[in-house]
């Protein structure tokens, strides 16, 4: 809790148990987010494209609670939705 929320050790000892338990549930997500940050700086240049995609995909699923990130809409996507697009 010190790392993610800036709590002192004294504040942690005064934190309600339910809040500490909720933090522990979120801890794997925080760890995955940290791994994504480190992976970009350290291991990316040395990995094959396939290995890189697999590793990042797994960490992104954990960090995003299983939700996929939205992809940028193409011009064709916008036109199919009836959204006017100018060149």
Protein backbone atom coordinates (compact mmCIF):
# COMPACT_ATOMS: atom_id res chain seq x y z
CA UNK A 1 0.00 0.00 0.00
CA UNK A 2 2.99 2.27 0.51
CA UNK A 3 4.09 1.80 -3.08
CA UNK A 4 0.73 2.28 -4.81
CA UNK A 5 -1.08 4.68 -2.48
CA UNK A 6 1.74 6.41 -0.62
CA UNK A 7 0.59 5.18 2.79
CA UNK A 8 3.06 5.25 5.64
CA UNK A 9 3.45 2.07 7.67
CA UNK A 10 1.51 3.76 10.45
CA UNK A 11 -1.37 4.55 8.10
CA UNK A 12 -1.44 0.97 6.86
CA UNK A 13 -1.77 -0.33 10.43
CA UNK A 14 -4.79 1.98 10.89
CA UNK A 15 -6.42 0.96 7.60
CA UNK A 16 -9.60 -1.13 7.95
CA UNK A 17 -9.06 -4.80 7.18
CA UNK A 18 -11.65 -4.71 4.37
CA UNK A 19 -9.62 -2.01 2.58
CA UNK A 20 -6.42 -4.04 2.95
CA UNK A 21 -8.20 -7.12 1.57
CA UNK A 22 -9.54 -5.10 -1.38
CA UNK A 23 -5.99 -3.91 -2.06
CA UNK A 24 -4.70 -7.49 -2.01
CA UNK A 25 -7.32 -8.46 -4.60
CA UNK A 26 -6.04 -5.65 -6.86
CA UNK A 27 -2.37 -6.48 -6.29
CA UNK A 28 -2.02 -8.87 -9.28
CA UNK A 29 -3.39 -6.12 -11.55
CA UNK A 30 -0.88 -3.62 -10.18
CA UNK A 31 1.94 -6.13 -10.63
CA UNK A 32 0.90 -6.76 -14.25
CA UNK A 33 0.83 -3.02 -14.95
CA UNK A 34 4.35 -2.72 -13.57
CA UNK A 35 5.54 -5.63 -15.68
CA UNK A 36 4.14 -3.99 -18.81
CA UNK A 37 6.10 -0.84 -18.06
CA UNK A 38 9.33 -2.74 -17.46
CA UNK A 39 8.87 -4.99 -20.48
CA UNK A 40 8.74 -2.07 -22.87
CA UNK A 41 12.04 -0.71 -21.64
CA UNK A 42 13.99 -3.90 -21.02
CA UNK A 43 13.01 -6.96 -23.02
CA UNK A 44 11.24 -5.76 -26.13
CA UNK A 45 14.32 -5.29 -28.32
CA UNK A 46 15.43 -8.88 -27.68
CA UNK A 47 12.18 -10.79 -28.26
CA UNK A 48 10.73 -12.35 -31.37
CA UNK A 49 7.52 -10.76 -32.58
CA UNK A 50 5.45 -13.81 -31.60
CA UNK A 51 6.87 -14.01 -28.07
CA UNK A 52 6.40 -10.30 -27.59
CA UNK A 53 2.73 -10.48 -28.61
CA UNK A 54 2.03 -13.44 -26.30
CA UNK A 55 3.69 -11.84 -23.28
CA UNK A 56 2.06 -8.46 -23.72
CA UNK A 57 -1.32 -10.00 -24.46
CA UNK A 58 -1.31 -11.93 -21.18
CA UNK A 59 -0.20 -8.94 -19.10
CA UNK A 60 -2.70 -6.64 -20.83
CA UNK A 61 -5.55 -9.06 -20.08
CA UNK A 62 -4.59 -9.07 -16.39
CA UNK A 63 -4.06 -5.30 -16.23
CA UNK A 64 -7.37 -4.63 -18.00
CA UNK A 65 -9.43 -7.12 -15.97
CA UNK A 66 -9.94 -9.31 -19.03
CA UNK A 67 -11.26 -6.45 -21.16
CA UNK A 68 -9.76 -5.85 -24.58
CA UNK A 69 -8.58 -2.37 -25.44
CA UNK A 70 -10.60 -0.51 -28.06
CA UNK A 71 -9.14 -0.43 -31.54
CA UNK A 72 -9.04 2.79 -33.56
CA UNK A 73 -11.96 3.00 -35.98
CA UNK A 74 -11.02 3.07 -39.64
CA UNK A 75 -12.65 5.35 -42.19
CA UNK A 76 -14.65 2.37 -43.47
CA UNK A 77 -15.86 1.56 -39.93
CA UNK A 78 -17.13 5.10 -39.48
CA UNK A 79 -18.92 5.10 -42.85
CA UNK A 80 -20.60 1.76 -42.01
CA UNK A 81 -21.90 3.33 -38.78
CA UNK A 82 -23.37 6.23 -40.74
CA UNK A 83 -20.81 8.73 -39.53
CA UNK A 84 -19.85 11.22 -42.22
CA UNK A 85 -16.15 11.28 -43.02
CA UNK A 86 -14.36 13.91 -45.08
CA UNK A 87 -11.05 13.35 -46.83
